[in-house]
Amino acid sequence: MKKIPLLLLALACLASAQGIISFNTVYLDTAGKFFFTYPVALPNPVALKELQKNFIKQKFGEKFLEQESAPVPAPAPVPSRPEPPAKASNHKEPAKTARKEPVVVVPSCPELVPCYQEPATILSNYKNQFKEVETLSDVVSFPLPGIVQYTTAAYIYYVDAAHGQNKFSMGVYSLVNGKEIELATLFIKGWEKNVVKLIIREFLLAMNLQSLADYNYTKKEEDFVPEHMRISSSGMEFVYPAYKIAPHSAGEQSVFLSWNALKPYLNKKSIIYPKLQF
């Protein structure tokens, strides 16, 4: 069977006052339909491992977080029984050489910094397990200082299905600690009701409608509660998958709100608030 070549491409390498920030992309096919972008360098090694874990979890799922097996340390020597005293003899015994201690192999990764499988291995295993996935891609961006945004996309086609499905996921992470920044942490308590009203207003305006009563697909405000976001220096984009607030034929839907529009509902203690310009 002909092997598919693995291609490696440096995506981004940023120099900061704290150190180098770098991401690589590994391709599983020459057509560029199956690839994985992942972090390879951050100033903080613990943050790097956390970000790598989150990228793997977002793109492939938790089952692919299996860590590399570390070398097993050599077993401790079994103490031997004491030898009985030797009988007196004029015969000289040759000098015994010192017993060599077993070499203990130290694991390549400390417990606090886990080792994950190579990106190419994860990508190949995923493709082998999910043959219905025809394309798998992603985009890395840096919308604000110290923030990285990761968007993944996949096209899935099941046998005998009427049409394929586009799947996506979005994550926003801190480059300082590698942790995910949850949508709810960016807003004050009880933000959903007011933000949903803003989203619906913008959505209806784009559809040239007066109210949800005029919209044929859904009339439920709760359908517009956001779960996916993309951020930029100018605002936040709320993204909805097909079927959520529009039919499959309309595809994914997105509504953009500026930071100024969202300002009354933003959490001033969130990690991104000091980075925003109103």
C-alpha atoms as a PDB file:
ATOM      1  CA  MET A   1       0.000   0.000   0.000  1.00  0.00           C
ATOM      2  CA  LYS A   2       1.315   3.401  -0.928  1.00  0.00           C
ATOM      3  CA  LYS A   3       2.162   5.544   2.085  1.00  0.00           C
ATOM      4  CA  ILE A   4       0.797   9.070   2.328  1.00  0.00           C
ATOM      5  CA  PRO A   5       3.631  11.550   2.886  1.00  0.00           C
ATOM      6  CA  LEU A   6       3.556  13.684   5.998  1.00  0.00           C
ATOM      7  CA  LEU A   7       4.356  17.318   5.381  1.00  0.00           C
ATOM      8  CA  LEU A   8       5.347  19.747   8.122  1.00  0.00           C
ATOM      9  CA  LEU A   9       4.890  23.500   7.768  1.00  0.00           C
ATOM     10  CA  ALA A  10       5.673  26.258  10.253  1.00  0.00           C
ATOM     11  CA  LEU A  11       2.490  28.283  10.571  1.00  0.00           C
ATOM     12  CA  ALA A  12       3.405  31.035  12.966  1.00  0.00           C
ATOM     13  CA  CYS A  13       6.422  32.073  14.980  1.00  0.00           C
ATOM     14  CA  LEU A  14       6.021  35.139  17.144  1.00  0.00           C
ATOM     15  CA  ALA A  15       8.763  36.762  19.158  1.00  0.00           C
ATOM     16  CA  SER A  16       7.638  38.344  22.415  1.00  0.00           C
ATOM     17  CA  ALA A  17       9.378  39.912  25.348  1.00  0.00           C
ATOM     18  CA  GLN A  18       8.893  36.657  27.269  1.00  0.00           C
ATOM     19  CA  GLY A  19      10.061  34.306  24.518  1.00  0.00           C
ATOM     20  CA  ILE A  20       9.116  32.551  21.289  1.00  0.00           C
ATOM     21  CA  ILE A  21       5.542  31.527  20.481  1.00  0.00           C
ATOM     22  CA  SER A  22       5.365  29.018  17.636  1.00  0.00           C
ATOM     23  CA  PHE A  23       2.753  26.805  15.925  1.00  0.00           C
ATOM     24  CA  ASN A  24       3.269  24.077  13.316  1.00  0.00           C
ATOM     25  CA  THR A  25       0.940  22.344  10.881  1.00  0.00           C
ATOM     26  CA  VAL A  26       1.249  18.678   9.928  1.00  0.00           C
ATOM     27  CA  TYR A  27      -0.494  17.466   6.732  1.00  0.00           C
ATOM     28  CA  LEU A  28      -1.665  13.921   6.130  1.00  0.00           C
ATOM     29  CA  ASP A  29      -2.226  14.398   2.405  1.00  0.00           C
ATOM     30  CA  THR A  30      -0.645  16.418  -0.378  1.00  0.00           C
ATOM     31  CA  ALA A  31      -4.023  17.939  -1.298  1.00  0.00           C
ATOM     32  CA  GLY A  32      -4.204  19.693   2.077  1.00  0.00           C
ATOM     33  CA  LYS A  33      -7.593  18.211   3.044  1.00  0.00           C
ATOM     34  CA  PHE A  34      -6.455  16.631   6.294  1.00  0.00           C
ATOM     35  CA  PHE A  35      -4.216  18.584   8.644  1.00  0.00           C
ATOM     36  CA  PHE A  36      -3.617  19.568  12.256  1.00  0.00           C
ATOM     37  CA  THR A  37      -2.153  22.808  13.577  1.00  0.00           C
ATOM     38  CA  TYR A  38      -0.675  22.662  17.060  1.00  0.00           C
ATOM     39  CA  PRO A  39       1.546  24.723  19.407  1.00  0.00           C
ATOM     40  CA  VAL A  40       5.215  23.800  19.627  1.00  0.00           C
ATOM     41  CA  ALA A  41       6.705  26.646  21.656  1.00  0.00           C
ATOM     42  CA  LEU A  42       5.532  28.946  24.439  1.00  0.00           C
ATOM     43  CA  PRO A  43       7.600  30.820  27.025  1.00  0.00           C
ATOM     44  CA  ASN A  44       6.045  28.665  29.767  1.00  0.00           C
ATOM     45  CA  PRO A  45       6.512  24.888  29.181  1.00  0.00           C
ATOM     46  CA  VAL A  46       3.626  23.989  31.508  1.00  0.00           C
ATOM     47  CA  ALA A  47       1.337  26.367  29.577  1.00  0.00           C
ATOM     48  CA  LEU A  48       2.534  24.760  26.326  1.00  0.00           C
ATOM     49  CA  LYS A  49       1.471  21.284  27.469  1.00  0.00           C
ATOM     50  CA  GLU A  50      -1.878  22.641  28.651  1.00  0.00           C
ATOM     51  CA  LEU A  51      -2.473  24.330  25.298  1.00  0.00           C
ATOM     52  CA  GLN A  52      -1.444  21.194  23.396  1.00  0.00           C
ATOM     53  CA  LYS A  53      -3.896  19.181  25.498  1.00  0.00           C
ATOM     54  CA  ASN A  54      -6.700  21.662  24.770  1.00  0.00           C
ATOM     55  CA  PHE A  55      -5.989  21.707  21.027  1.00  0.00           C
ATOM     56  CA  ILE A  56      -6.078  17.889  20.887  1.00  0.00           C
ATOM     57  CA  LYS A  57      -9.261  17.780  22.979  1.00  0.00           C
ATOM     58  CA  GLN A  58     -11.025  20.375  20.833  1.00  0.00           C
ATOM     59  CA  LYS A  59     -10.077  18.907  17.462  1.00  0.00           C
ATOM     60  CA  PHE A  60     -10.158  15.152  18.110  1.00  0.00           C
ATOM     61  CA  GLY A  61     -11.930  14.573  21.435  1.00  0.00           C
ATOM     62  CA  GLU A  62     -10.804  13.464  24.884  1.00  0.00           C
ATOM     63  CA  LYS A  63     -10.158   9.860  23.829  1.00  0.00           C
ATOM     64  CA  PHE A  64      -7.127  11.089  21.863  1.00  0.00           C
ATOM     65  CA  LEU A  65      -5.519  12.591  24.973  1.00  0.00           C
ATOM     66  CA  GLU A  66      -3.789   9.286  25.695  1.00  0.00           C
ATOM     67  CA  GLN A  67      -0.293  10.069  26.891  1.00  0.00           C
ATOM     68  CA  GLU A  68       2.908   8.588  25.567  1.00  0.00           C
ATOM     69  CA  SER A  69       4.126   5.656  27.601  1.00  0.00           C
ATOM     70  CA  ALA A  70       7.203   6.612  29.611  1.00  0.00           C
ATOM     71  CA  PRO A  71      10.124   4.175  29.941  1.00  0.00           C
ATOM     72  CA  VAL A  72       9.610   1.766  32.852  1.00  0.00           C
ATOM     73  CA  PRO A  73      12.262   2.157  35.576  1.00  0.00           C
ATOM     74  CA  ALA A  74      14.444  -0.885  36.167  1.00  0.00           C
ATOM     75  CA  PRO A  75      13.346  -3.008  39.169  1.00  0.00           C
ATOM     76  CA  ALA A  76      15.294  -2.663  42.397  1.00  0.00           C
ATOM     77  CA  PRO A  77      17.860  -5.422  42.956  1.00  0.00           C
ATOM     78  CA  VAL A  78      16.766  -8.353  45.162  1.00  0.00           C
ATOM     79  CA  PRO A  79      19.053  -8.651  48.192  1.00  0.00           C
ATOM     80  CA  SER A  80      21.064 -11.880  48.112  1.00  0.00           C
ATOM     81  CA  ARG A  81      21.550 -14.267  51.017  1.00  0.00           C
ATOM     82  CA  PRO A  82      24.721 -13.731  53.046  1.00  0.00           C
ATOM     83  CA  GLU A  83      27.473 -16.170  52.106  1.00  0.00           C
ATOM     84  CA  PRO A  84      28.897 -18.454  54.843  1.00  0.00           C
ATOM     85  CA  PRO A  85      32.439 -17.645  55.974  1.00  0.00           C
ATOM     86  CA  ALA A  86      35.079 -19.286  53.788  1.00  0.00           C
ATOM     87  CA  LYS A  87      37.341 -21.995  55.211  1.00  0.00           C
ATOM     88  CA  ALA A  88      41.000 -21.174  55.736  1.00  0.00           C
ATOM     89  CA  SER A  89      43.066 -22.083  52.695  1.00  0.00           C
ATOM     90  CA  ASN A  90      46.440 -21.266  51.280  1.00  0.00           C
ATOM     91  CA  HIS A  91      44.834 -20.872  47.847  1.00  0.00           C
ATOM     92  CA  LYS A  92      44.402 -17.214  46.859  1.00  0.00           C
ATOM     93  CA  GLU A  93      40.986 -16.273  45.434  1.00  0.00           C
ATOM     94  CA  PRO A  94      40.956 -13.769  42.540  1.00  0.00           C
ATOM     95  CA  ALA A  95      39.719 -10.317  43.537  1.00  0.00           C
ATOM     96  CA  LYS A  96      35.963  -9.868  43.000  1.00  0.00           C
ATOM     97  CA  THR A  97      34.838  -7.006  40.806  1.00  0.00           C
ATOM     98  CA  ALA A  98      32.385  -4.491  42.249  1.00  0.00           C
ATOM     99  CA  ARG A  99      28.729  -5.313  41.499  1.00  0.00           C
ATOM    100  CA  LYS A 100      27.202  -2.904  38.995  1.00  0.00           C
ATOM    101  CA  GLU A 101      24.038  -1.105  40.092  1.00  0.00           C
ATOM    102  CA  PRO A 102      21.089  -1.268  37.673  1.00  0.00           C
ATOM    103  CA  VAL A 103      20.530   1.806  35.538  1.00  0.00           C
ATOM    104  CA  VAL A 104      17.278   3.568  36.405  1.00  0.00           C
ATOM    105  CA  VAL A 105      15.597   5.130  33.352  1.00  0.00           C
ATOM    106  CA  VAL A 106      14.081   8.524  34.123  1.00  0.00           C
ATOM    107  CA  PRO A 107      10.795   9.256  32.263  1.00  0.00           C
ATOM    108  CA  SER A 108      11.185  11.791  29.465  1.00  0.00           C
ATOM    109  CA  CYS A 109       8.320  13.921  30.822  1.00  0.00           C
ATOM    110  CA  PRO A 110       7.824  14.909  34.468  1.00  0.00           C
ATOM    111  CA  GLU A 111       4.428  14.115  35.965  1.00  0.00           C
ATOM    112  CA  LEU A 112       3.492  17.811  36.077  1.00  0.00           C
ATOM    113  CA  VAL A 113       4.173  18.182  32.342  1.00  0.00           C
ATOM    114  CA  PRO A 114       2.464  15.265  30.527  1.00  0.00           C
ATOM    115  CA  CYS A 115       3.639  13.951  27.167  1.00  0.00           C
ATOM    116  CA  TYR A 116       1.063  13.542  24.396  1.00  0.00           C
ATOM    117  CA  GLN A 117       1.321  11.501  21.230  1.00  0.00           C
ATOM    118  CA  GLU A 118       2.941  13.042  18.198  1.00  0.00           C
ATOM    119  CA  PRO A 119       0.516  15.229  16.171  1.00  0.00           C
ATOM    120  CA  ALA A 120       1.058  13.115  13.055  1.00  0.00           C
ATOM    121  CA  THR A 121       0.198   9.953  15.009  1.00  0.00           C
ATOM    122  CA  ILE A 122      -3.002  11.459  16.394  1.00  0.00           C
ATOM    123  CA  LEU A 123      -4.030  12.722  12.956  1.00  0.00           C
ATOM    124  CA  SER A 124      -3.400   9.338  11.330  1.00  0.00           C
ATOM    125  CA  ASN A 125      -5.237   7.427  14.086  1.00  0.00           C
ATOM    126  CA  TYR A 126      -8.216   9.767  13.810  1.00  0.00           C
ATOM    127  CA  LYS A 127      -8.448   9.297  10.046  1.00  0.00           C
ATOM    128  CA  ASN A 128      -8.280   5.522  10.420  1.00  0.00           C
ATOM    129  CA  GLN A 129     -11.047   5.478  13.038  1.00  0.00           C
ATOM    130  CA  PHE A 130     -13.394   7.965  11.349  1.00  0.00           C
ATOM    131  CA  LYS A 131     -13.331   7.134   7.660  1.00  0.00           C
ATOM    132  CA  GLU A 132     -16.525   9.136   7.053  1.00  0.00           C
ATOM    133  CA  VAL A 133     -14.583  12.365   7.716  1.00  0.00           C
ATOM    134  CA  GLU A 134     -13.488  13.585   4.285  1.00  0.00           C
ATOM    135  CA  THR A 135     -11.781  16.841   5.245  1.00  0.00           C
ATOM    136  CA  LEU A 136     -10.332  18.070   8.538  1.00  0.00           C
ATOM    137  CA  SER A 137      -8.890  21.569   8.829  1.00  0.00           C
ATOM    138  CA  ASP A 138      -8.283  24.374  11.303  1.00  0.00           C
ATOM    139  CA  VAL A 139      -7.310  28.031  11.627  1.00  0.00           C
ATOM    140  CA  VAL A 140      -5.144  29.657  14.304  1.00  0.00           C
ATOM    141  CA  SER A 141      -5.374  33.405  14.907  1.00  0.00           C
ATOM    142  CA  PHE A 142      -4.275  35.933  17.515  1.00  0.00           C
ATOM    143  CA  PRO A 143      -7.197  38.357  17.991  1.00  0.00           C
ATOM    144  CA  LEU A 144      -5.826  40.116  21.087  1.00  0.00           C
ATOM    145  CA  PRO A 145      -2.443  40.275  22.860  1.00  0.00           C
ATOM    146  CA  GLY A 146      -1.802  37.073  24.806  1.00  0.00           C
ATOM    147  CA  ILE A 147      -4.819  35.323  23.260  1.00  0.00           C
ATOM    148  CA  VAL A 148      -4.918  32.552  20.658  1.00  0.00           C
ATOM    149  CA  GLN A 149      -8.080  31.491  18.837  1.00  0.00           C
ATOM    150  CA  TYR A 150      -8.504  28.008  17.399  1.00  0.00           C
ATOM    151  CA  THR A 151     -11.239  27.143  14.901  1.00  0.00           C
ATOM    152  CA  THR A 152     -11.598  23.604  13.559  1.00  0.00           C
ATOM    153  CA  ALA A 153     -13.788  22.355  10.711  1.00  0.00           C
ATOM    154  CA  ALA A 154     -14.680  18.964   9.281  1.00  0.00           C
ATOM    155  CA  TYR A 155     -16.784  17.716   6.394  1.00  0.00           C
ATOM    156  CA  ILE A 156     -18.478  14.403   7.174  1.00  0.00           C
ATOM    157  CA  TYR A 157     -20.280  12.230   4.653  1.00  0.00           C
ATOM    158  CA  TYR A 158     -22.105   9.073   5.730  1.00  0.00           C
ATOM    159  CA  VAL A 159     -22.948   6.341   3.236  1.00  0.00           C
ATOM    160  CA  ASP A 160     -26.477   6.695   1.831  1.00  0.00           C
ATOM    161  CA  ALA A 161     -26.883  10.135   3.437  1.00  0.00           C
ATOM    162  CA  ALA A 162     -28.758  12.783   1.468  1.00  0.00           C
ATOM    163  CA  HIS A 163     -25.903  15.232   1.960  1.00  0.00           C
ATOM    164  CA  GLY A 164     -22.737  15.731   3.938  1.00  0.00           C
ATOM    165  CA  GLN A 165     -22.439  17.652   7.186  1.00  0.00           C
ATOM    166  CA  ASN A 166     -20.148  20.522   8.078  1.00  0.00           C
ATOM    167  CA  LYS A 167     -18.966  20.433  11.687  1.00  0.00           C
ATOM    168  CA  PHE A 168     -16.998  23.113  13.489  1.00  0.00           C
ATOM    169  CA  SER A 169     -15.664  23.948  16.922  1.00  0.00           C
ATOM    170  CA  MET A 170     -14.198  27.153  18.338  1.00  0.00           C
ATOM    171  CA  GLY A 171     -11.906  27.758  21.264  1.00  0.00           C
ATOM    172  CA  VAL A 172     -10.246  30.821  22.751  1.00  0.00           C
ATOM    173  CA  TYR A 173      -7.174  30.265  24.933  1.00  0.00           C
ATOM    174  CA  SER A 174      -4.701  32.199  27.033  1.00  0.00           C
ATOM    175  CA  LEU A 175      -1.080  32.035  25.909  1.00  0.00           C
ATOM    176  CA  VAL A 176      -0.022  32.710  29.509  1.00  0.00           C
ATOM    177  CA  ASN A 177      -1.385  29.477  30.998  1.00  0.00           C
ATOM    178  CA  GLY A 178      -2.788  27.571  27.994  1.00  0.00           C
ATOM    179  CA  LYS A 179      -6.271  27.377  29.516  1.00  0.00           C
ATOM    180  CA  GLU A 180      -9.529  27.850  27.642  1.00  0.00           C
ATOM    181  CA  ILE A 181     -11.430  31.107  28.095  1.00  0.00           C
ATOM    182  CA  GLU A 182     -15.082  30.163  28.528  1.00  0.00           C
ATOM    183  CA  LEU A 183     -17.768  32.318  26.928  1.00  0.00           C
ATOM    184  CA  ALA A 184     -19.675  32.837  30.192  1.00  0.00           C
ATOM    185  CA  THR A 185     -16.587  34.181  31.999  1.00  0.00           C
ATOM    186  CA  LEU A 186     -16.492  37.200  29.671  1.00  0.00           C
ATOM    187  CA  PHE A 187     -19.889  38.461  30.849  1.00  0.00           C
ATOM    188  CA  ILE A 188     -21.548  39.501  34.083  1.00  0.00           C
ATOM    189  CA  LYS A 189     -24.166  37.378  35.812  1.00  0.00           C
ATOM    190  CA  GLY A 190     -27.481  37.252  33.957  1.00  0.00           C
ATOM    191  CA  TRP A 191     -25.979  38.392  30.652  1.00  0.00           C
ATOM    192  CA  GLU A 192     -27.820  35.901  28.430  1.00  0.00           C
ATOM    193  CA  LYS A 193     -31.197  37.649  28.294  1.00  0.00           C
ATOM    194  CA  ASN A 194     -29.829  41.050  27.270  1.00  0.00           C
ATOM    195  CA  VAL A 195     -27.199  39.745  24.856  1.00  0.00           C
ATOM    196  CA  VAL A 196     -29.721  37.431  23.176  1.00  0.00           C
ATOM    197  CA  LYS A 197     -31.986  40.423  22.547  1.00  0.00           C
ATOM    198  CA  LEU A 198     -29.092  42.214  20.835  1.00  0.00           C
ATOM    199  CA  ILE A 199     -28.316  39.126  18.760  1.00  0.00           C
ATOM    200  CA  ILE A 200     -31.930  38.703  17.645  1.00  0.00           C
ATOM    201  CA  ARG A 201     -32.198  42.366  16.724  1.00  0.00           C
ATOM    202  CA  GLU A 202     -29.113  42.167  14.503  1.00  0.00           C
ATOM    203  CA  PHE A 203     -30.229  38.861  12.999  1.00  0.00           C
ATOM    204  CA  LEU A 204     -33.688  40.176  12.095  1.00  0.00           C
ATOM    205  CA  LEU A 205     -32.183  43.354  10.684  1.00  0.00           C
ATOM    206  CA  ALA A 206     -30.032  41.295   8.316  1.00  0.00           C
ATOM    207  CA  MET A 207     -33.119  39.269   7.332  1.00  0.00           C
ATOM    208  CA  ASN A 208     -35.168  42.456   6.823  1.00  0.00           C
ATOM    209  CA  LEU A 209     -37.716  41.278   9.392  1.00  0.00           C
ATOM    210  CA  GLN A 210     -39.477  43.140  12.183  1.00  0.00           C
ATOM    211  CA  SER A 211     -39.774  40.403  14.805  1.00  0.00           C
ATOM    212  CA  LEU A 212     -39.353  36.664  15.400  1.00  0.00           C
ATOM    213  CA  ALA A 213     -43.066  36.316  14.709  1.00  0.00           C
ATOM    214  CA  ASP A 214     -42.219  37.074  11.062  1.00  0.00           C
ATOM    215  CA  TYR A 215     -39.462  34.428  10.935  1.00  0.00           C
ATOM    216  CA  ASN A 216     -40.524  31.025   9.613  1.00  0.00           C
ATOM    217  CA  TYR A 217     -37.806  28.743  10.998  1.00  0.00           C
ATOM    218  CA  THR A 218     -37.884  29.404  14.764  1.00  0.00           C
ATOM    219  CA  LYS A 219     -39.687  31.784  17.054  1.00  0.00           C
ATOM    220  CA  LYS A 220     -37.908  30.728  20.262  1.00  0.00           C
ATOM    221  CA  GLU A 221     -35.543  33.254  21.822  1.00  0.00           C
ATOM    222  CA  GLU A 222     -33.725  30.464  23.667  1.00  0.00           C
ATOM    223  CA  ASP A 223     -32.528  29.091  20.317  1.00  0.00           C
ATOM    224  CA  PHE A 224     -30.354  32.202  20.015  1.00  0.00           C
ATOM    225  CA  VAL A 225     -28.465  31.656  23.292  1.00  0.00           C
ATOM    226  CA  PRO A 226     -24.872  31.505  21.989  1.00  0.00           C
ATOM    227  CA  GLU A 227     -22.530  28.562  22.491  1.00  0.00           C
ATOM    228  CA  HIS A 228     -19.786  29.377  19.976  1.00  0.00           C
ATOM    229  CA  MET A 229     -17.848  32.608  19.629  1.00  0.00           C
ATOM    230  CA  ARG A 230     -15.082  34.219  17.649  1.00  0.00           C
ATOM    231  CA  ILE A 231     -13.475  37.372  18.989  1.00  0.00           C
ATOM    232  CA  SER A 232     -11.545  40.169  17.320  1.00  0.00           C
ATOM    233  CA  SER A 233     -10.178  43.541  18.304  1.00  0.00           C
ATOM    234  CA  SER A 234     -13.502  45.135  17.317  1.00  0.00           C
ATOM    235  CA  GLY A 235     -16.071  42.733  18.772  1.00  0.00           C
ATOM    236  CA  MET A 236     -17.499  39.257  19.129  1.00  0.00           C
ATOM    237  CA  GLU A 237     -19.073  37.024  16.515  1.00  0.00           C
ATOM    238  CA  PHE A 238     -21.642  34.470  17.672  1.00  0.00           C
ATOM    239  CA  VAL A 239     -21.761  31.419  15.386  1.00  0.00           C
ATOM    240  CA  TYR A 240     -24.625  28.929  15.103  1.00  0.00           C
ATOM    241  CA  PRO A 241     -24.437  25.540  13.355  1.00  0.00           C
ATOM    242  CA  ALA A 242     -26.894  24.519  10.653  1.00  0.00           C
ATOM    243  CA  TYR A 243     -30.385  23.709  11.936  1.00  0.00           C
ATOM    244  CA  LYS A 244     -29.915  25.792  15.102  1.00  0.00           C
ATOM    245  CA  ILE A 245     -31.521  29.062  13.964  1.00  0.00           C
ATOM    246  CA  ALA A 246     -31.763  28.408  10.222  1.00  0.00           C
ATOM    247  CA  PRO A 247     -32.325  25.412   7.903  1.00  0.00           C
ATOM    248  CA  HIS A 248     -29.478  23.311   6.519  1.00  0.00           C
ATOM    249  CA  SER A 249     -29.780  25.006   3.145  1.00  0.00           C
ATOM    250  CA  ALA A 250     -28.877  28.337   4.771  1.00  0.00           C
ATOM    251  CA  GLY A 251     -25.730  26.892   6.364  1.00  0.00           C
ATOM    252  CA  GLU A 252     -24.037  28.243   9.469  1.00  0.00           C
ATOM    253  CA  GLN A 253     -25.295  31.576  10.776  1.00  0.00           C
ATOM    254  CA  SER A 254     -23.286  34.258  12.535  1.00  0.00           C
ATOM    255  CA  VAL A 255     -24.132  37.526  14.251  1.00  0.00           C
ATOM    256  CA  PHE A 256     -21.508  40.159  15.038  1.00  0.00           C
ATOM    257  CA  LEU A 257     -21.742  42.595  17.959  1.00  0.00           C
ATOM    258  CA  SER A 258     -19.186  45.288  18.669  1.00  0.00           C
ATOM    259  CA  TRP A 259     -17.455  45.594  22.039  1.00  0.00           C
ATOM    260  CA  ASN A 260     -19.236  48.902  22.501  1.00  0.00           C
ATOM    261  CA  ALA A 261     -22.619  47.203  22.116  1.00  0.00           C
ATOM    262  CA  LEU A 262     -21.583  44.478  24.560  1.00  0.00           C
ATOM    263  CA  LYS A 263     -19.825  46.758  27.058  1.00  0.00           C
ATOM    264  CA  PRO A 264     -22.714  47.013  29.593  1.00  0.00           C
ATOM    265  CA  TYR A 265     -22.703  43.223  29.974  1.00  0.00           C
ATOM    266  CA  LEU A 266     -18.963  42.491  29.933  1.00  0.00           C
ATOM    267  CA  ASN A 267     -17.128  41.241  32.997  1.00  0.00           C
ATOM    268  CA  LYS A 268     -14.478  43.824  33.860  1.00  0.00           C
ATOM    269  CA  LYS A 269     -12.486  41.154  35.710  1.00  0.00           C
ATOM    270  CA  SER A 270     -12.249  38.828  32.705  1.00  0.00           C
ATOM    271  CA  ILE A 271      -8.890  38.112  31.097  1.00  0.00           C
ATOM    272  CA  ILE A 272      -9.746  39.969  27.884  1.00  0.00           C
ATOM    273  CA  TYR A 273     -11.437  43.094  29.244  1.00  0.00           C
ATOM    274  CA  PRO A 274      -8.162  45.053  29.890  1.00  0.00           C
ATOM    275  CA  LYS A 275      -7.118  44.281  26.302  1.00  0.00           C
ATOM    276  CA  LEU A 276     -10.213  45.853  24.720  1.00  0.00           C
ATOM    277  CA  GLN A 277     -10.439  49.327  23.200  1.00  0.00           C
ATOM    278  CA  PHE A 278     -13.835  51.000  23.248  1.00  0.00           C
END
